[in-house]
Amino acid sequence: MAVTLTGGIPTFVVEIGKMLDDTLKSTDVQAAFGTLKTVDSASVSGTTLVFDLQNYEFKDFGAHISLNIKLMKDETVFFEKNYVQSGETQGTKMLWGGILAVKNAVQQSTKQALDEILRQLITDLNELQ
């Protein structure tokens, strides 16, 4: 996550791809899936999860994410679902904590939403078996 100041007002750039990648590399997620690795989209073959961010916004003190996820084998789509999730609101932290707390609030709410999407995905994929 990057922070820039524009006219004294902080602007936060949330790197969803990096946050998702870090989450997918976590021990818990790796254990749930067996083994996951990042591949170049031009060289995709075999069984692949494809993540496509549909929408991200931080409003009303919380992150709101819409993420389309596909499970593919070569070119065939076996599962596809659009997950919509909001992270916990962080209003108190943002109002009382200053600029560093705002950055943490954005990151925490976004991470919570991503974690819940992955939890739902794991449940959905387990039900396919």
C-alpha atoms as a PDB file:
ATOM      1  CA  MET A   1       0.000   0.000   0.000  1.00  0.00           C
ATOM      2  CA  ALA A   2       1.405   3.364  -0.987  1.00  0.00           C
ATOM      3  CA  VAL A   3       0.482   6.751   0.473  1.00  0.00           C
ATOM      4  CA  THR A   4       0.883  10.062  -1.328  1.00  0.00           C
ATOM      5  CA  LEU A   5      -0.071  13.539  -0.202  1.00  0.00           C
ATOM      6  CA  THR A   6      -2.061  15.613  -2.640  1.00  0.00           C
ATOM      7  CA  GLY A   7      -2.672  19.111  -1.404  1.00  0.00           C
ATOM      8  CA  GLY A   8      -2.184  17.912   2.174  1.00  0.00           C
ATOM      9  CA  ILE A   9      -4.800  15.170   1.797  1.00  0.00           C
ATOM     10  CA  PRO A  10      -3.462  11.608   1.900  1.00  0.00           C
ATOM     11  CA  THR A  11      -4.236   9.359  -1.048  1.00  0.00           C
ATOM     12  CA  PHE A  12      -3.869   5.632  -0.499  1.00  0.00           C
ATOM     13  CA  VAL A  13      -3.030   3.238  -3.327  1.00  0.00           C
ATOM     14  CA  VAL A  14      -4.158  -0.238  -2.301  1.00  0.00           C
ATOM     15  CA  GLU A  15      -2.251  -2.967  -4.117  1.00  0.00           C
ATOM     16  CA  ILE A  16      -4.919  -5.692  -4.117  1.00  0.00           C
ATOM     17  CA  GLY A  17      -2.833  -8.005  -6.318  1.00  0.00           C
ATOM     18  CA  LYS A  18       0.090  -7.914  -3.897  1.00  0.00           C
ATOM     19  CA  MET A  19      -2.187  -8.397  -0.890  1.00  0.00           C
ATOM     20  CA  LEU A  20      -3.893 -11.347  -2.594  1.00  0.00           C
ATOM     21  CA  ASP A  21      -0.546 -12.851  -3.592  1.00  0.00           C
ATOM     22  CA  ASP A  22       0.774 -12.542  -0.019  1.00  0.00           C
ATOM     23  CA  THR A  23      -2.412 -14.129   1.342  1.00  0.00           C
ATOM     24  CA  LEU A  24      -2.229 -17.014  -1.154  1.00  0.00           C
ATOM     25  CA  LYS A  25       1.358 -17.676  -0.033  1.00  0.00           C
ATOM     26  CA  SER A  26       0.320 -17.964   3.631  1.00  0.00           C
ATOM     27  CA  THR A  27       0.763 -21.319   5.349  1.00  0.00           C
ATOM     28  CA  ASP A  28      -2.984 -21.742   5.961  1.00  0.00           C
ATOM     29  CA  VAL A  29      -3.983 -21.124   2.347  1.00  0.00           C
ATOM     30  CA  GLN A  30      -1.175 -23.307   1.001  1.00  0.00           C
ATOM     31  CA  ALA A  31      -2.315 -26.112   3.333  1.00  0.00           C
ATOM     32  CA  ALA A  32      -5.936 -25.738   2.190  1.00  0.00           C
ATOM     33  CA  PHE A  33      -5.030 -25.994  -1.490  1.00  0.00           C
ATOM     34  CA  GLY A  34      -2.056 -28.339  -1.324  1.00  0.00           C
ATOM     35  CA  THR A  35       0.320 -26.246  -3.388  1.00  0.00           C
ATOM     36  CA  LEU A  36      -0.310 -22.933  -5.108  1.00  0.00           C
ATOM     37  CA  LYS A  37       2.127 -21.053  -7.288  1.00  0.00           C
ATOM     38  CA  THR A  38       1.864 -17.941  -9.416  1.00  0.00           C
ATOM     39  CA  VAL A  39       2.068 -18.446 -13.173  1.00  0.00           C
ATOM     40  CA  ASP A  40       2.236 -16.123 -16.149  1.00  0.00           C
ATOM     41  CA  SER A  41      -1.192 -15.935 -17.768  1.00  0.00           C
ATOM     42  CA  ALA A  42       0.382 -16.607 -21.181  1.00  0.00           C
ATOM     43  CA  SER A  43       1.696 -20.003 -20.050  1.00  0.00           C
ATOM     44  CA  VAL A  44      -1.323 -21.340 -18.158  1.00  0.00           C
ATOM     45  CA  SER A  45      -1.938 -25.063 -18.409  1.00  0.00           C
ATOM     46  CA  GLY A  46      -3.296 -27.693 -16.050  1.00  0.00           C
ATOM     47  CA  THR A  47      -5.575 -26.770 -13.140  1.00  0.00           C
ATOM     48  CA  THR A  48      -5.604 -23.017 -12.547  1.00  0.00           C
ATOM     49  CA  LEU A  49      -7.376 -20.531 -10.304  1.00  0.00           C
ATOM     50  CA  VAL A  50      -7.955 -17.212 -12.066  1.00  0.00           C
ATOM     51  CA  PHE A  51      -8.629 -14.127  -9.932  1.00  0.00           C
ATOM     52  CA  ASP A  52     -10.215 -11.103 -11.621  1.00  0.00           C
ATOM     53  CA  LEU A  53     -10.866  -8.007  -9.508  1.00  0.00           C
ATOM     54  CA  GLN A  54     -14.238  -6.604 -10.548  1.00  0.00           C
ATOM     55  CA  ASN A  55     -14.435  -3.727  -8.086  1.00  0.00           C
ATOM     56  CA  TYR A  56     -12.650  -2.303  -5.057  1.00  0.00           C
ATOM     57  CA  GLU A  57     -13.593   0.702  -3.040  1.00  0.00           C
ATOM     58  CA  PHE A  58     -13.018   1.986   0.450  1.00  0.00           C
ATOM     59  CA  LYS A  59     -16.038   3.883   1.655  1.00  0.00           C
ATOM     60  CA  ASP A  60     -17.980   4.292   4.874  1.00  0.00           C
ATOM     61  CA  PHE A  61     -14.769   3.352   6.751  1.00  0.00           C
ATOM     62  CA  GLY A  62     -14.515  -0.114   5.183  1.00  0.00           C
ATOM     63  CA  ALA A  63     -13.207  -2.000   2.152  1.00  0.00           C
ATOM     64  CA  HIS A  64     -15.681  -3.419  -0.360  1.00  0.00           C
ATOM     65  CA  ILE A  65     -14.409  -6.003  -2.843  1.00  0.00           C
ATOM     66  CA  SER A  66     -15.958  -7.836  -5.772  1.00  0.00           C
ATOM     67  CA  LEU A  67     -13.687 -10.605  -7.063  1.00  0.00           C
ATOM     68  CA  ASN A  68     -14.486 -13.088  -9.825  1.00  0.00           C
ATOM     69  CA  ILE A  69     -12.731 -16.438  -9.365  1.00  0.00           C
ATOM     70  CA  LYS A  70     -12.574 -19.261 -11.898  1.00  0.00           C
ATOM     71  CA  LEU A  71     -11.261 -22.795 -11.534  1.00  0.00           C
ATOM     72  CA  MET A  72     -10.020 -23.969 -14.926  1.00  0.00           C
ATOM     73  CA  LYS A  73      -8.385 -27.062 -16.328  1.00  0.00           C
ATOM     74  CA  ASP A  74      -6.556 -26.046 -19.479  1.00  0.00           C
ATOM     75  CA  GLU A  75      -9.246 -23.995 -21.289  1.00  0.00           C
ATOM     76  CA  THR A  76     -12.340 -25.468 -19.590  1.00  0.00           C
ATOM     77  CA  VAL A  77     -14.042 -23.580 -16.757  1.00  0.00           C
ATOM     78  CA  PHE A  78     -15.153 -26.015 -14.016  1.00  0.00           C
ATOM     79  CA  PHE A  79     -16.237 -23.433 -11.469  1.00  0.00           C
ATOM     80  CA  GLU A  80     -16.833 -19.693 -11.560  1.00  0.00           C
ATOM     81  CA  LYS A  81     -18.265 -17.371  -8.960  1.00  0.00           C
ATOM     82  CA  ASN A  82     -18.301 -13.668  -8.227  1.00  0.00           C
ATOM     83  CA  TYR A  83     -17.531 -13.075  -4.552  1.00  0.00           C
ATOM     84  CA  VAL A  84     -18.624  -9.802  -2.966  1.00  0.00           C
ATOM     85  CA  GLN A  85     -17.336  -9.048   0.507  1.00  0.00           C
ATOM     86  CA  SER A  86     -16.867  -6.091   2.839  1.00  0.00           C
ATOM     87  CA  GLY A  87     -14.201  -5.809   5.512  1.00  0.00           C
ATOM     88  CA  GLU A  88     -15.024  -4.624   8.984  1.00  0.00           C
ATOM     89  CA  THR A  89     -15.523  -0.880   9.276  1.00  0.00           C
ATOM     90  CA  GLN A  90     -12.660   0.956  10.909  1.00  0.00           C
ATOM     91  CA  GLY A  91     -14.284   4.299  11.718  1.00  0.00           C
ATOM     92  CA  THR A  92     -13.091   4.666  15.287  1.00  0.00           C
ATOM     93  CA  LYS A  93      -9.510   3.850  14.365  1.00  0.00           C
ATOM     94  CA  MET A  94      -9.595   6.290  11.453  1.00  0.00           C
ATOM     95  CA  LEU A  95     -11.153   9.163  13.398  1.00  0.00           C
ATOM     96  CA  TRP A  96      -8.864   8.966  16.417  1.00  0.00           C
ATOM     97  CA  GLY A  97      -5.625   7.479  15.180  1.00  0.00           C
ATOM     98  CA  GLY A  98      -4.170   9.908  12.680  1.00  0.00           C
ATOM     99  CA  ILE A  99      -2.625   9.173   9.286  1.00  0.00           C
ATOM    100  CA  LEU A 100      -0.829   5.965  10.306  1.00  0.00           C
ATOM    101  CA  ALA A 101      -4.026   4.548  11.761  1.00  0.00           C
ATOM    102  CA  VAL A 102      -5.889   5.387   8.553  1.00  0.00           C
ATOM    103  CA  LYS A 103      -3.346   3.431   6.517  1.00  0.00           C
ATOM    104  CA  ASN A 104      -3.651   0.493   8.919  1.00  0.00           C
ATOM    105  CA  ALA A 105      -7.456   0.678   8.820  1.00  0.00           C
ATOM    106  CA  VAL A 106      -7.517   0.515   5.015  1.00  0.00           C
ATOM    107  CA  GLN A 107      -5.105  -2.411   5.012  1.00  0.00           C
ATOM    108  CA  GLN A 108      -6.881  -4.313   7.816  1.00  0.00           C
ATOM    109  CA  SER A 109     -10.368  -3.964   6.330  1.00  0.00           C
ATOM    110  CA  THR A 110      -9.095  -4.980   2.875  1.00  0.00           C
ATOM    111  CA  LYS A 111      -7.260  -8.010   4.289  1.00  0.00           C
ATOM    112  CA  GLN A 112     -10.359  -9.107   6.209  1.00  0.00           C
ATOM    113  CA  ALA A 113     -12.480  -8.952   3.045  1.00  0.00           C
ATOM    114  CA  LEU A 114      -9.888 -10.943   1.053  1.00  0.00           C
ATOM    115  CA  ASP A 115      -9.574 -13.544   3.815  1.00  0.00           C
ATOM    116  CA  GLU A 116     -13.343 -14.039   3.888  1.00  0.00           C
ATOM    117  CA  ILE A 117     -13.489 -14.403   0.097  1.00  0.00           C
ATOM    118  CA  LEU A 118     -10.798 -17.093   0.245  1.00  0.00           C
ATOM    119  CA  ARG A 119     -12.600 -18.865   3.099  1.00  0.00           C
ATOM    120  CA  GLN A 120     -15.782 -18.926   1.004  1.00  0.00           C
ATOM    121  CA  LEU A 121     -13.834 -20.123  -2.043  1.00  0.00           C
ATOM    122  CA  ILE A 122     -12.270 -23.010  -0.100  1.00  0.00           C
ATOM    123  CA  THR A 123     -15.699 -24.023   1.184  1.00  0.00           C
ATOM    124  CA  ASP A 124     -17.179 -23.869  -2.328  1.00  0.00           C
ATOM    125  CA  LEU A 125     -14.331 -25.906  -3.854  1.00  0.00           C
ATOM    126  CA  ASN A 126     -14.584 -28.528  -1.095  1.00  0.00           C
ATOM    127  CA  GLU A 127     -18.278 -28.909  -1.905  1.00  0.00           C
ATOM    128  CA  LEU A 128     -17.403 -29.674  -5.545  1.00  0.00           C
ATOM    129  CA  GLN A 129     -15.582 -32.850  -4.543  1.00  0.00           C
END
